[in-house]
Amino acid sequence: MKICIPTETNEGKNAVVFEHFGSAPYFTIVDTEKDSVDIIDNANQHHAHGMCQPMNALTGKSIDAVVTAGMGGRAVQKLNEGGIKVYRAIQGTVTDIVSQFTKGGLEEITIDNACSQHGCH
C-alpha cells in the first residue's frame, strides 16, 4: 500500500506531518509493502484559496491513501472518486503515522466529517 503524507521537510520517515495537504512543502509517499520512501516536492504549495492542485505533483505515483490533518469535502470526494481513501493524521512523524495506519488506528475522513472551514485542523 502506498500512503501519501504531506510533510514540512524532506526527511523521509523522520519528517513531521504538515497540517494542510495542498500547501505542504513536500509529499512523503511510503510504500508499506516495500518499506520504501519517495519524497515529492510540491511545486503548487503557494496558491490562491480554492485553487489547490496537489494531485498534479502526485501524477503517476499510484497512491492508495492520503493521511492529513484535515481536508475539505470537495477534495475528499475527488480523491475517493480516484480510488484514494483519506485518513486523519495524528501528530508526529511519518513513522508514527504509518505505524498507526497499519494498526487501523486512524479515522477515515469522509465527505460527512470533512472540514467545512479554515481552522478545523
PDB file of N, CA and C in Angstrom:
ATOM      1  N   MET A   1       0.840  -1.172   0.000  1.00  0.00           N
ATOM      2  CA  MET A   1       0.000   0.000   0.000  1.00  0.00           C
ATOM      3  C   MET A   1       0.885   1.236   0.000  1.00  0.00           C
ATOM      4  N   LYS A   2       0.509   2.215  -0.818  1.00  0.00           N
ATOM      5  CA  LYS A   2       1.248   3.479  -0.861  1.00  0.00           C
ATOM      6  C   LYS A   2       0.430   4.563  -0.154  1.00  0.00           C
ATOM      7  N   ILE A   3       1.056   5.140   0.871  1.00  0.00           N
ATOM      8  CA  ILE A   3       0.409   6.166   1.686  1.00  0.00           C
ATOM      9  C   ILE A   3       1.117   7.486   1.443  1.00  0.00           C
ATOM     10  N   CYS A   4       0.343   8.519   1.134  1.00  0.00           N
ATOM     11  CA  CYS A   4       0.896   9.854   0.891  1.00  0.00           C
ATOM     12  C   CYS A   4       0.620  10.727   2.110  1.00  0.00           C
ATOM     13  N   ILE A   5       1.684  11.324   2.654  1.00  0.00           N
ATOM     14  CA  ILE A   5       1.571  12.171   3.840  1.00  0.00           C
ATOM     15  C   ILE A   5       2.200  13.528   3.520  1.00  0.00           C
ATOM     16  N   PRO A   6       1.450  14.636   3.693  1.00  0.00           N
ATOM     17  CA  PRO A   6       2.045  15.954   3.484  1.00  0.00           C
ATOM     18  C   PRO A   6       3.019  16.242   4.627  1.00  0.00           C
ATOM     19  N   THR A   7       4.233  16.689   4.298  1.00  0.00           N
ATOM     20  CA  THR A   7       5.242  16.906   5.334  1.00  0.00           C
ATOM     21  C   THR A   7       5.904  18.274   5.222  1.00  0.00           C
ATOM     22  N   GLU A   8       6.443  18.718   6.363  1.00  0.00           N
ATOM     23  CA  GLU A   8       7.119  20.006   6.446  1.00  0.00           C
ATOM     24  C   GLU A   8       8.498  19.968   5.804  1.00  0.00           C
ATOM     25  N   THR A   9       9.157  18.817   5.889  1.00  0.00           N
ATOM     26  CA  THR A   9      10.526  18.688   5.389  1.00  0.00           C
ATOM     27  C   THR A   9      10.644  17.442   4.510  1.00  0.00           C
ATOM     28  N   ASN A  10      11.818  17.286   3.944  1.00  0.00           N
ATOM     29  CA  ASN A  10      12.092  16.124   3.093  1.00  0.00           C
ATOM     30  C   ASN A  10      12.949  15.099   3.840  1.00  0.00           C
ATOM     31  N   GLU A  11      12.649  14.892   5.120  1.00  0.00           N
ATOM     32  CA  GLU A  11      13.432  13.999   5.975  1.00  0.00           C
ATOM     33  C   GLU A  11      12.936  12.556   5.976  1.00  0.00           C
ATOM     34  N   GLY A  12      12.137  12.194   4.987  1.00  0.00           N
ATOM     35  CA  GLY A  12      11.665  10.813   4.889  1.00  0.00           C
ATOM     36  C   GLY A  12      10.809  10.406   6.067  1.00  0.00           C
ATOM     37  N   LYS A  13      11.122   9.277   6.685  1.00  0.00           N
ATOM     38  CA  LYS A  13      10.310   8.760   7.788  1.00  0.00           C
ATOM     39  C   LYS A  13      10.397   9.617   9.048  1.00  0.00           C
ATOM     40  N   ASN A  14      11.377  10.515   9.113  1.00  0.00           N
ATOM     41  CA  ASN A  14      11.513  11.409  10.272  1.00  0.00           C
ATOM     42  C   ASN A  14      10.794  12.729  10.077  1.00  0.00           C
ATOM     43  N   ALA A  15      10.230  12.963   8.911  1.00  0.00           N
ATOM     44  CA  ALA A  15       9.541  14.221   8.631  1.00  0.00           C
ATOM     45  C   ALA A  15       8.270  14.330   9.470  1.00  0.00           C
ATOM     46  N   VAL A  16       7.922  15.571   9.832  1.00  0.00           N
ATOM     47  CA  VAL A  16       6.719  15.849  10.617  1.00  0.00           C
ATOM     48  C   VAL A  16       5.586  16.192   9.664  1.00  0.00           C
ATOM     49  N   VAL A  17       4.380  15.717   9.980  1.00  0.00           N
ATOM     50  CA  VAL A  17       3.215  15.963   9.140  1.00  0.00           C
ATOM     51  C   VAL A  17       2.937  17.470   9.058  1.00  0.00           C
ATOM     52  N   PHE A  18       2.544  17.920   7.879  1.00  0.00           N
ATOM     53  CA  PHE A  18       2.163  19.314   7.637  1.00  0.00           C
ATOM     54  C   PHE A  18       0.645  19.387   7.700  1.00  0.00           C
ATOM     55  N   GLU A  19       0.097  20.435   8.307  1.00  0.00           N
ATOM     56  CA  GLU A  19      -1.348  20.482   8.570  1.00  0.00           C
ATOM     57  C   GLU A  19      -2.239  20.575   7.336  1.00  0.00           C
ATOM     58  N   HIS A  20      -1.800  21.241   6.299  1.00  0.00           N
ATOM     59  CA  HIS A  20      -2.676  21.455   5.137  1.00  0.00           C
ATOM     60  C   HIS A  20      -2.129  20.690   3.947  1.00  0.00           C
ATOM     61  N   PHE A  21      -2.891  19.759   3.443  1.00  0.00           N
ATOM     62  CA  PHE A  21      -2.435  18.885   2.356  1.00  0.00           C
ATOM     63  C   PHE A  21      -1.926  19.667   1.142  1.00  0.00           C
ATOM     64  N   GLY A  22      -2.737  20.575   0.614  1.00  0.00           N
ATOM     65  CA  GLY A  22      -2.387  21.265  -0.620  1.00  0.00           C
ATOM     66  C   GLY A  22      -1.225  22.221  -0.514  1.00  0.00           C
ATOM     67  N   SER A  23      -0.952  22.744   0.697  1.00  0.00           N
ATOM     68  CA  SER A  23       0.131  23.711   0.890  1.00  0.00           C
ATOM     69  C   SER A  23       1.403  23.087   1.446  1.00  0.00           C
ATOM     70  N   ALA A  24       1.426  21.796   1.566  1.00  0.00           N
ATOM     71  CA  ALA A  24       2.605  21.128   2.133  1.00  0.00           C
ATOM     72  C   ALA A  24       3.821  21.344   1.238  1.00  0.00           C
ATOM     73  N   PRO A  25       4.968  21.619   1.827  1.00  0.00           N
ATOM     74  CA  PRO A  25       6.187  21.746   1.020  1.00  0.00           C
ATOM     75  C   PRO A  25       6.568  20.439   0.321  1.00  0.00           C
ATOM     76  N   TYR A  26       6.259  19.315   0.977  1.00  0.00           N
ATOM     77  CA  TYR A  26       6.620  18.014   0.416  1.00  0.00           C
ATOM     78  C   TYR A  26       5.488  17.014   0.614  1.00  0.00           C
ATOM     79  N   PHE A  27       5.492  16.002  -0.216  1.00  0.00           N
ATOM     80  CA  PHE A  27       4.631  14.835  -0.035  1.00  0.00           C
ATOM     81  C   PHE A  27       5.566  13.653   0.162  1.00  0.00           C
ATOM     82  N   THR A  28       5.411  12.978   1.268  1.00  0.00           N
ATOM     83  CA  THR A  28       6.220  11.794   1.541  1.00  0.00           C
ATOM     84  C   THR A  28       5.327  10.579   1.288  1.00  0.00           C
ATOM     85  N   ILE A  29       5.746   9.754   0.347  1.00  0.00           N
ATOM     86  CA  ILE A  29       4.979   8.568  -0.024  1.00  0.00           C
ATOM     87  C   ILE A  29       5.705   7.346   0.520  1.00  0.00           C
ATOM     88  N   VAL A  30       5.000   6.604   1.364  1.00  0.00           N
ATOM     89  CA  VAL A  30       5.562   5.397   1.965  1.00  0.00           C
ATOM     90  C   VAL A  30       4.894   4.193   1.336  1.00  0.00           C
ATOM     91  N   ASP A  31       5.705   3.300   0.814  1.00  0.00           N
ATOM     92  CA  ASP A  31       5.210   2.026   0.296  1.00  0.00           C
ATOM     93  C   ASP A  31       5.391   1.010   1.421  1.00  0.00           C
ATOM     94  N   THR A  32       4.289   0.627   2.052  1.00  0.00           N
ATOM     95  CA  THR A  32       4.370  -0.256   3.216  1.00  0.00           C
ATOM     96  C   THR A  32       4.812  -1.671   2.855  1.00  0.00           C
ATOM     97  N   GLU A  33       4.596  -2.089   1.626  1.00  0.00           N
ATOM     98  CA  GLU A  33       4.995  -3.436   1.213  1.00  0.00           C
ATOM     99  C   GLU A  33       6.492  -3.522   0.950  1.00  0.00           C
ATOM    100  N   LYS A  34       7.048  -2.474   0.361  1.00  0.00           N
ATOM    101  CA  LYS A  34       8.477  -2.444   0.036  1.00  0.00           C
ATOM    102  C   LYS A  34       9.309  -1.756   1.107  1.00  0.00           C
ATOM    103  N   ASP A  35       8.642  -1.131   2.099  1.00  0.00           N
ATOM    104  CA  ASP A  35       9.301  -0.343   3.136  1.00  0.00           C
ATOM    105  C   ASP A  35      10.220   0.709   2.503  1.00  0.00           C
ATOM    106  N   SER A  36       9.676   1.390   1.488  1.00  0.00           N
ATOM    107  CA  SER A  36      10.450   2.423   0.806  1.00  0.00           C
ATOM    108  C   SER A  36       9.750   3.781   0.927  1.00  0.00           C
ATOM    109  N   VAL A  37      10.519   4.842   0.695  1.00  0.00           N
ATOM    110  CA  VAL A  37      10.008   6.204   0.802  1.00  0.00           C
ATOM    111  C   VAL A  37      10.365   6.971  -0.467  1.00  0.00           C
ATOM    112  N   ASP A  38       9.389   7.719  -0.966  1.00  0.00           N
ATOM    113  CA  ASP A  38       9.575   8.595  -2.124  1.00  0.00           C
ATOM    114  C   ASP A  38       9.149   9.995  -1.683  1.00  0.00           C
ATOM    115  N   ILE A  39       9.995  10.979  -1.894  1.00  0.00           N
ATOM    116  CA  ILE A  39       9.683  12.347  -1.467  1.00  0.00           C
ATOM    117  C   ILE A  39       9.470  13.210  -2.702  1.00  0.00           C
ATOM    118  N   ILE A  40       8.324  13.888  -2.731  1.00  0.00           N
ATOM    119  CA  ILE A  40       7.941  14.722  -3.864  1.00  0.00           C
ATOM    120  C   ILE A  40       7.900  16.174  -3.411  1.00  0.00           C
ATOM    121  N   ASP A  41       8.545  17.053  -4.150  1.00  0.00           N
ATOM    122  CA  ASP A  41       8.491  18.491  -3.892  1.00  0.00           C
ATOM    123  C   ASP A  41       7.161  19.008  -4.433  1.00  0.00           C
ATOM    124  N   ASN A  42       6.398  19.722  -3.603  1.00  0.00           N
ATOM    125  CA  ASN A  42       5.104  20.256  -4.028  1.00  0.00           C
ATOM    126  C   ASN A  42       5.303  21.635  -4.649  1.00  0.00           C
ATOM    127  N   ALA A  43       5.390  21.688  -5.945  1.00  0.00           N
ATOM    128  CA  ALA A  43       5.589  22.954  -6.656  1.00  0.00           C
ATOM    129  C   ALA A  43       4.351  23.843  -6.587  1.00  0.00           C
ATOM    130  N   ASN A  44       3.206  23.303  -6.154  1.00  0.00           N
ATOM    131  CA  ASN A  44       1.947  24.054  -6.088  1.00  0.00           C
ATOM    132  C   ASN A  44       1.605  24.482  -4.655  1.00  0.00           C
ATOM    133  N   GLN A  45       2.611  24.496  -3.762  1.00  0.00           N
ATOM    134  CA  GLN A  45       2.308  24.792  -2.361  1.00  0.00           C
ATOM    135  C   GLN A  45       1.819  26.221  -2.154  1.00  0.00           C
ATOM    136  N   HIS A  46       2.172  27.157  -3.032  1.00  0.00           N
ATOM    137  CA  HIS A  46       1.698  28.536  -2.918  1.00  0.00           C
ATOM    138  C   HIS A  46       0.620  28.751  -3.975  1.00  0.00           C
ATOM    139  N   HIS A  47      -0.627  28.898  -3.518  1.00  0.00           N
ATOM    140  CA  HIS A  47      -1.748  29.023  -4.443  1.00  0.00           C
ATOM    141  C   HIS A  47      -2.846  29.853  -3.801  1.00  0.00           C
ATOM    142  N   ALA A  48      -3.722  30.389  -4.624  1.00  0.00           N
ATOM    143  CA  ALA A  48      -4.869  31.138  -4.114  1.00  0.00           C
ATOM    144  C   ALA A  48      -5.872  30.177  -3.497  1.00  0.00           C
ATOM    145  N   HIS A  49      -6.636  30.673  -2.534  1.00  0.00           N
ATOM    146  CA  HIS A  49      -7.646  29.843  -1.879  1.00  0.00           C
ATOM    147  C   HIS A  49      -8.585  29.230  -2.925  1.00  0.00           C
ATOM    148  N   GLY A  50      -8.806  27.943  -2.796  1.00  0.00           N
ATOM    149  CA  GLY A  50      -9.688  27.228  -3.720  1.00  0.00           C
ATOM    150  C   GLY A  50      -9.016  26.796  -5.013  1.00  0.00           C
ATOM    151  N   MET A  51      -7.747  27.139  -5.188  1.00  0.00           N
ATOM    152  CA  MET A  51      -7.037  26.807  -6.427  1.00  0.00           C
ATOM    153  C   MET A  51      -5.978  25.718  -6.208  1.00  0.00           C
ATOM    154  N   CYS A  52      -6.127  25.016  -5.141  1.00  0.00           N
ATOM    155  CA  CYS A  52      -5.194  23.977  -4.746  1.00  0.00           C
ATOM    156  C   CYS A  52      -5.224  22.815  -5.752  1.00  0.00           C
ATOM    157  N   GLN A  53      -4.068  22.416  -6.246  1.00  0.00           N
ATOM    158  CA  GLN A  53      -3.967  21.307  -7.196  1.00  0.00           C
ATOM    159  C   GLN A  53      -2.852  20.342  -6.781  1.00  0.00           C
ATOM    160  N   PRO A  54      -2.881  19.828  -5.553  1.00  0.00           N
ATOM    161  CA  PRO A  54      -1.767  18.993  -5.090  1.00  0.00           C
ATOM    162  C   PRO A  54      -1.603  17.690  -5.855  1.00  0.00           C
ATOM    163  N   MET A  55      -2.671  17.171  -6.409  1.00  0.00           N
ATOM    164  CA  MET A  55      -2.564  15.887  -7.099  1.00  0.00           C
ATOM    165  C   MET A  55      -1.722  15.976  -8.364  1.00  0.00           C
ATOM    166  N   ASN A  56      -1.523  17.179  -8.894  1.00  0.00           N
ATOM    167  CA  ASN A  56      -0.659  17.319 -10.063  1.00  0.00           C
ATOM    168  C   ASN A  56       0.752  16.815  -9.754  1.00  0.00           C
ATOM    169  N   ALA A  57       1.218  17.080  -8.541  1.00  0.00           N
ATOM    170  CA  ALA A  57       2.558  16.630  -8.145  1.00  0.00           C
ATOM    171  C   ALA A  57       2.625  15.121  -7.958  1.00  0.00           C
ATOM    172  N   LEU A  58       1.475  14.502  -7.770  1.00  0.00           N
ATOM    173  CA  LEU A  58       1.436  13.072  -7.468  1.00  0.00           C
ATOM    174  C   LEU A  58       1.033  12.204  -8.649  1.00  0.00           C
ATOM    175  N   THR A  59       0.905  12.799  -9.817  1.00  0.00           N
ATOM    176  CA  THR A  59       0.517  12.058 -11.010  1.00  0.00           C
ATOM    177  C   THR A  59       1.476  10.897 -11.257  1.00  0.00           C
ATOM    178  N   GLY A  60       0.918   9.742 -11.479  1.00  0.00           N
ATOM    179  CA  GLY A  60       1.723   8.562 -11.786  1.00  0.00           C
ATOM    180  C   GLY A  60       2.285   7.846 -10.570  1.00  0.00           C
ATOM    181  N   LYS A  61       1.975   8.304  -9.366  1.00  0.00           N
ATOM    182  CA  LYS A  61       2.529   7.685  -8.157  1.00  0.00           C
ATOM    183  C   LYS A  61       1.666   6.548  -7.621  1.00  0.00           C
ATOM    184  N   SER A  62       0.461   6.369  -8.132  1.00  0.00           N
ATOM    185  CA  SER A  62      -0.433   5.263  -7.751  1.00  0.00           C
ATOM    186  C   SER A  62      -0.593   5.124  -6.243  1.00  0.00           C
ATOM    187  N   ILE A  63      -0.967   6.209  -5.591  1.00  0.00           N
ATOM    188  CA  ILE A  63      -1.161   6.152  -4.148  1.00  0.00           C
ATOM    189  C   ILE A  63      -2.518   5.535  -3.821  1.00  0.00           C
ATOM    190  N   ASP A  64      -2.583   4.886  -2.658  1.00  0.00           N
ATOM    191  CA  ASP A  64      -3.804   4.229  -2.205  1.00  0.00           C
ATOM    192  C   ASP A  64      -4.527   5.028  -1.132  1.00  0.00           C
ATOM    193  N   ALA A  65      -3.766   5.821  -0.373  1.00  0.00           N
ATOM    194  CA  ALA A  65      -4.347   6.567   0.736  1.00  0.00           C
ATOM    195  C   ALA A  65      -3.580   7.864   0.959  1.00  0.00           C
ATOM    196  N   VAL A  66      -4.294   8.855   1.489  1.00  0.00           N
ATOM    197  CA  VAL A  66      -3.706  10.121   1.919  1.00  0.00           C
ATOM    198  C   VAL A  66      -3.983  10.233   3.408  1.00  0.00           C
ATOM    199  N   VAL A  67      -2.971  10.622   4.172  1.00  0.00           N
ATOM    200  CA  VAL A  67      -3.143  10.862   5.596  1.00  0.00           C
ATOM    201  C   VAL A  67      -2.789  12.318   5.846  1.00  0.00           C
ATOM    202  N   THR A  68      -3.759  13.082   6.339  1.00  0.00           N
ATOM    203  CA  THR A  68      -3.597  14.514   6.512  1.00  0.00           C
ATOM    204  C   THR A  68      -4.340  14.998   7.754  1.00  0.00           C
ATOM    205  N   ALA A  69      -3.978  16.179   8.242  1.00  0.00           N
ATOM    206  CA  ALA A  69      -4.622  16.719   9.443  1.00  0.00           C
ATOM    207  C   ALA A  69      -6.093  17.037   9.188  1.00  0.00           C
ATOM    208  N   GLY A  70      -6.409  17.469   8.002  1.00  0.00           N
ATOM    209  CA  GLY A  70      -7.782  17.789   7.645  1.00  0.00           C
ATOM    210  C   GLY A  70      -7.883  18.095   6.166  1.00  0.00           C
ATOM    211  N   MET A  71      -9.092  17.994   5.648  1.00  0.00           N
ATOM    212  CA  MET A  71      -9.299  18.222   4.216  1.00  0.00           C
ATOM    213  C   MET A  71     -10.772  18.531   3.999  1.00  0.00           C
ATOM    214  N   GLY A  72     -11.042  19.400   3.039  1.00  0.00           N
ATOM    215  CA  GLY A  72     -12.417  19.747   2.706  1.00  0.00           C
ATOM    216  C   GLY A  72     -13.132  18.636   1.960  1.00  0.00           C
ATOM    217  N   GLY A  73     -14.459  18.701   2.000  1.00  0.00           N
ATOM    218  CA  GLY A  73     -15.290  17.672   1.393  1.00  0.00           C
ATOM    219  C   GLY A  73     -15.087  17.508  -0.096  1.00  0.00           C
ATOM    220  N   ARG A  74     -14.884  18.606  -0.808  1.00  0.00           N
ATOM    221  CA  ARG A  74     -14.690  18.519  -2.262  1.00  0.00           C
ATOM    222  C   ARG A  74     -13.408  17.763  -2.596  1.00  0.00           C
ATOM    223  N   ALA A  75     -12.346  18.032  -1.847  1.00  0.00           N
ATOM    224  CA  ALA A  75     -11.078  17.333  -2.083  1.00  0.00           C
ATOM    225  C   ALA A  75     -11.207  15.851  -1.727  1.00  0.00           C
ATOM    226  N   VAL A  76     -11.884  15.561  -0.624  1.00  0.00           N
ATOM    227  CA  VAL A  76     -12.107  14.168  -0.233  1.00  0.00           C
ATOM    228  C   VAL A  76     -12.879  13.438  -1.330  1.00  0.00           C
ATOM    229  N   GLN A  77     -13.913  14.085  -1.845  1.00  0.00           N
ATOM    230  CA  GLN A  77     -14.725  13.480  -2.899  1.00  0.00           C
ATOM    231  C   GLN A  77     -13.882  13.177  -4.137  1.00  0.00           C
ATOM    232  N   LYS A  78     -13.053  14.130  -4.551  1.00  0.00           N
ATOM    233  CA  LYS A  78     -12.210  13.914  -5.735  1.00  0.00           C
ATOM    234  C   LYS A  78     -11.255  12.749  -5.529  1.00  0.00           C
ATOM    235  N   LEU A  79     -10.641  12.690  -4.356  1.00  0.00           N
ATOM    236  CA  LEU A  79      -9.727  11.583  -4.080  1.00  0.00           C
ATOM    237  C   LEU A  79     -10.468  10.251  -4.051  1.00  0.00           C
ATOM    238  N   ASN A  80     -11.610  10.222  -3.380  1.00  0.00           N
ATOM    239  CA  ASN A  80     -12.406   8.988  -3.319  1.00  0.00           C
ATOM    240  C   ASN A  80     -12.820   8.522  -4.705  1.00  0.00           C
ATOM    241  N   GLU A  81     -13.181   9.452  -5.573  1.00  0.00           N
ATOM    242  CA  GLU A  81     -13.560   9.098  -6.950  1.00  0.00           C
ATOM    243  C   GLU A  81     -12.401   8.459  -7.702  1.00  0.00           C
ATOM    244  N   GLY A  82     -11.176   8.806  -7.310  1.00  0.00           N
ATOM    245  CA  GLY A  82      -9.984   8.212  -7.911  1.00  0.00           C
ATOM    246  C   GLY A  82      -9.523   6.953  -7.196  1.00  0.00           C
ATOM    247  N   GLY A  83     -10.335   6.451  -6.248  1.00  0.00           N
ATOM    248  CA  GLY A  83      -9.994   5.227  -5.540  1.00  0.00           C
ATOM    249  C   GLY A  83      -9.038   5.429  -4.375  1.00  0.00           C
ATOM    250  N   ILE A  84      -8.867   6.677  -3.934  1.00  0.00           N
ATOM    251  CA  ILE A  84      -7.940   7.001  -2.847  1.00  0.00           C
ATOM    252  C   ILE A  84      -8.740   7.350  -1.591  1.00  0.00           C
ATOM    253  N   LYS A  85      -8.466   6.646  -0.500  1.00  0.00           N
ATOM    254  CA  LYS A  85      -9.113   6.946   0.779  1.00  0.00           C
ATOM    255  C   LYS A  85      -8.289   7.987   1.521  1.00  0.00           C
ATOM    256  N   VAL A  86      -8.966   8.741   2.395  1.00  0.00           N
ATOM    257  CA  VAL A  86      -8.321   9.806   3.152  1.00  0.00           C
ATOM    258  C   VAL A  86      -8.488   9.518   4.640  1.00  0.00           C
ATOM    259  N   TYR A  87      -7.415   9.696   5.392  1.00  0.00           N
ATOM    260  CA  TYR A  87      -7.429   9.436   6.827  1.00  0.00           C
ATOM    261  C   TYR A  87      -6.888  10.646   7.588  1.00  0.00           C
ATOM    262  N   ARG A  88      -7.364  10.821   8.824  1.00  0.00           N
ATOM    263  CA  ARG A  88      -6.951  11.928   9.675  1.00  0.00           C
ATOM    264  C   ARG A  88      -5.635  11.571  10.354  1.00  0.00           C
ATOM    265  N   ALA A  89      -4.655  12.459  10.205  1.00  0.00           N
ATOM    266  CA  ALA A  89      -3.330  12.231  10.778  1.00  0.00           C
ATOM    267  C   ALA A  89      -3.317  12.482  12.283  1.00  0.00           C
ATOM    268  N   ILE A  90      -2.403  11.816  12.932  1.00  0.00           N
ATOM    269  CA  ILE A  90      -2.078  12.112  14.314  1.00  0.00           C
ATOM    270  C   ILE A  90      -0.850  13.019  14.285  1.00  0.00           C
ATOM    271  N   GLN A  91      -0.531  13.653  15.394  1.00  0.00           N
ATOM    272  CA  GLN A  91       0.692  14.441  15.444  1.00  0.00           C
ATOM    273  C   GLN A  91       1.879  13.495  15.480  1.00  0.00           C
ATOM    274  N   GLY A  92       2.965  13.931  14.897  1.00  0.00           N
ATOM    275  CA  GLY A  92       4.163  13.109  14.938  1.00  0.00           C
ATOM    276  C   GLY A  92       4.852  13.042  13.598  1.00  0.00           C
ATOM    277  N   THR A  93       5.671  12.039  13.470  1.00  0.00           N
ATOM    278  CA  THR A  93       6.462  11.847  12.261  1.00  0.00           C
ATOM    279  C   THR A  93       5.769  10.883  11.301  1.00  0.00           C
ATOM    280  N   VAL A  94       6.329  10.777  10.136  1.00  0.00           N
ATOM    281  CA  VAL A  94       5.820   9.820   9.151  1.00  0.00           C
ATOM    282  C   VAL A  94       5.829   8.408   9.744  1.00  0.00           C
ATOM    283  N   THR A  95       6.874   8.056  10.464  1.00  0.00           N
ATOM    284  CA  THR A  95       6.947   6.734  11.096  1.00  0.00           C
ATOM    285  C   THR A  95       5.774   6.522  12.039  1.00  0.00           C
ATOM    286  N   ASP A  96       5.458   7.535  12.871  1.00  0.00           N
ATOM    287  CA  ASP A  96       4.334   7.425  13.808  1.00  0.00           C
ATOM    288  C   ASP A  96       3.016   7.216  13.069  1.00  0.00           C
ATOM    289  N   ILE A  97       2.830   7.969  12.009  1.00  0.00           N
ATOM    290  CA  ILE A  97       1.581   7.905  11.247  1.00  0.00           C
ATOM    291  C   ILE A  97       1.431   6.549  10.556  1.00  0.00           C
ATOM    292  N   VAL A  98       2.489   6.075   9.926  1.00  0.00           N
ATOM    293  CA  VAL A  98       2.422   4.770   9.247  1.00  0.00           C
ATOM    294  C   VAL A  98       2.161   3.659  10.252  1.00  0.00           C
ATOM    295  N   SER A  99       2.763   3.750  11.425  1.00  0.00           N
ATOM    296  CA  SER A  99       2.530   2.747  12.465  1.00  0.00           C
ATOM    297  C   SER A  99       1.054   2.714  12.862  1.00  0.00           C
ATOM    298  N   GLN A 100       0.459   3.866  13.104  1.00  0.00           N
ATOM    299  CA  GLN A 100      -0.960   3.930  13.463  1.00  0.00           C
ATOM    300  C   GLN A 100      -1.848   3.470  12.304  1.00  0.00           C
ATOM    301  N   PHE A 101      -1.485   3.846  11.089  1.00  0.00           N
ATOM    302  CA  PHE A 101      -2.267   3.458   9.914  1.00  0.00           C
ATOM    303  C   PHE A 101      -2.312   1.939   9.771  1.00  0.00           C
ATOM    304  N   THR A 102      -1.160   1.294   9.884  1.00  0.00           N
ATOM    305  CA  THR A 102      -1.114  -0.154   9.681  1.00  0.00           C
ATOM    306  C   THR A 102      -1.834  -0.909  10.795  1.00  0.00           C
ATOM    307  N   LYS A 103      -1.999  -0.288  11.962  1.00  0.00           N
ATOM    308  CA  LYS A 103      -2.754  -0.885  13.067  1.00  0.00           C
ATOM    309  C   LYS A 103      -4.250  -0.615  12.939  1.00  0.00           C
ATOM    310  N   GLY A 104      -4.648   0.176  11.923  1.00  0.00           N
ATOM    311  CA  GLY A 104      -6.051   0.540  11.766  1.00  0.00           C
ATOM    312  C   GLY A 104      -6.482   1.620  12.742  1.00  0.00           C
ATOM    313  N   GLY A 105      -5.515   2.400  13.241  1.00  0.00           N
ATOM    314  CA  GLY A 105      -5.802   3.384  14.278  1.00  0.00           C
ATOM    315  C   GLY A 105      -6.086   4.797  13.810  1.00  0.00           C
ATOM    316  N   LEU A 106      -6.274   5.007  12.500  1.00  0.00           N
ATOM    317  CA  LEU A 106      -6.573   6.348  12.008  1.00  0.00           C
ATOM    318  C   LEU A 106      -8.013   6.426  11.517  1.00  0.00           C
ATOM    319  N   GLU A 107      -8.654   7.545  11.822  1.00  0.00           N
ATOM    320  CA  GLU A 107     -10.035   7.779  11.407  1.00  0.00           C
ATOM    321  C   GLU A 107     -10.085   8.127   9.919  1.00  0.00           C
ATOM    322  N   GLU A 108     -10.999   7.511   9.202  1.00  0.00           N
ATOM    323  CA  GLU A 108     -11.184   7.860   7.796  1.00  0.00           C
ATOM    324  C   GLU A 108     -11.923   9.191   7.704  1.00  0.00           C
ATOM    325  N   ILE A 109     -11.455  10.066   6.827  1.00  0.00           N
ATOM    326  CA  ILE A 109     -12.147  11.325   6.556  1.00  0.00           C
ATOM    327  C   ILE A 109     -13.096  11.073   5.400  1.00  0.00           C
ATOM    328  N   THR A 110     -14.353  11.376   5.624  1.00  0.00           N
ATOM    329  CA  THR A 110     -15.379  11.218   4.598  1.00  0.00           C
ATOM    330  C   THR A 110     -15.951  12.592   4.260  1.00  0.00           C
ATOM    331  N   ILE A 111     -16.803  12.637   3.282  1.00  0.00           N
ATOM    332  CA  ILE A 111     -17.465  13.903   2.941  1.00  0.00           C
ATOM    333  C   ILE A 111     -18.243  14.429   4.149  1.00  0.00           C
ATOM    334  N   ASP A 112     -18.807  13.539   4.939  1.00  0.00           N
ATOM    335  CA  ASP A 112     -19.622  13.929   6.093  1.00  0.00           C
ATOM    336  C   ASP A 112     -18.827  14.520   7.250  1.00  0.00           C
ATOM    337  N   ASN A 113     -17.565  14.072   7.434  1.00  0.00           N
ATOM    338  CA  ASN A 113     -16.788  14.602   8.556  1.00  0.00           C
ATOM    339  C   ASN A 113     -15.591  15.433   8.112  1.00  0.00           C
ATOM    340  N   ALA A 114     -15.586  15.857   6.845  1.00  0.00           N
ATOM    341  CA  ALA A 114     -14.509  16.684   6.300  1.00  0.00           C
ATOM    342  C   ALA A 114     -14.604  18.096   6.855  1.00  0.00           C
ATOM    343  N   CYS A 115     -13.537  18.842   6.698  1.00  0.00           N
ATOM    344  CA  CYS A 115     -13.512  20.238   7.136  1.00  0.00           C
ATOM    345  C   CYS A 115     -14.492  21.057   6.292  1.00  0.00           C
ATOM    346  N   SER A 116     -15.178  21.961   6.956  1.00  0.00           N
ATOM    347  CA  SER A 116     -16.102  22.836   6.230  1.00  0.00           C
ATOM    348  C   SER A 116     -15.640  24.280   6.245  1.00  0.00           C
ATOM    349  N   GLN A 117     -14.524  24.543   6.930  1.00  0.00           N
ATOM    350  CA  GLN A 117     -13.985  25.898   7.002  1.00  0.00           C
ATOM    351  C   GLN A 117     -12.534  25.850   7.407  1.00  0.00           C
ATOM    352  N   HIS A 118     -11.823  26.953   7.200  1.00  0.00           N
ATOM    353  CA  HIS A 118     -10.429  27.004   7.658  1.00  0.00           C
ATOM    354  C   HIS A 118     -10.419  26.981   9.176  1.00  0.00           C
ATOM    355  N   GLY A 119      -9.370  26.461   9.748  1.00  0.00           N
ATOM    356  CA  GLY A 119      -9.255  26.408  11.186  1.00  0.00           C
ATOM    357  C   GLY A 119      -9.813  25.146  11.803  1.00  0.00           C
ATOM    358  N   CYS A 120     -10.254  24.191  11.002  1.00  0.00           N
ATOM    359  CA  CYS A 120     -10.822  22.971  11.567  1.00  0.00           C
ATOM    360  C   CYS A 120      -9.740  21.975  11.963  1.00  0.00           C
ATOM    361  N   HIS A 121      -8.514  22.217  11.555  1.00  0.00           N
ATOM    362  CA  HIS A 121      -7.422  21.311  11.952  1.00  0.00           C
ATOM    363  C   HIS A 121      -6.206  22.089  12.323  1.00  0.00           C
TER     364      HIS A 121
END
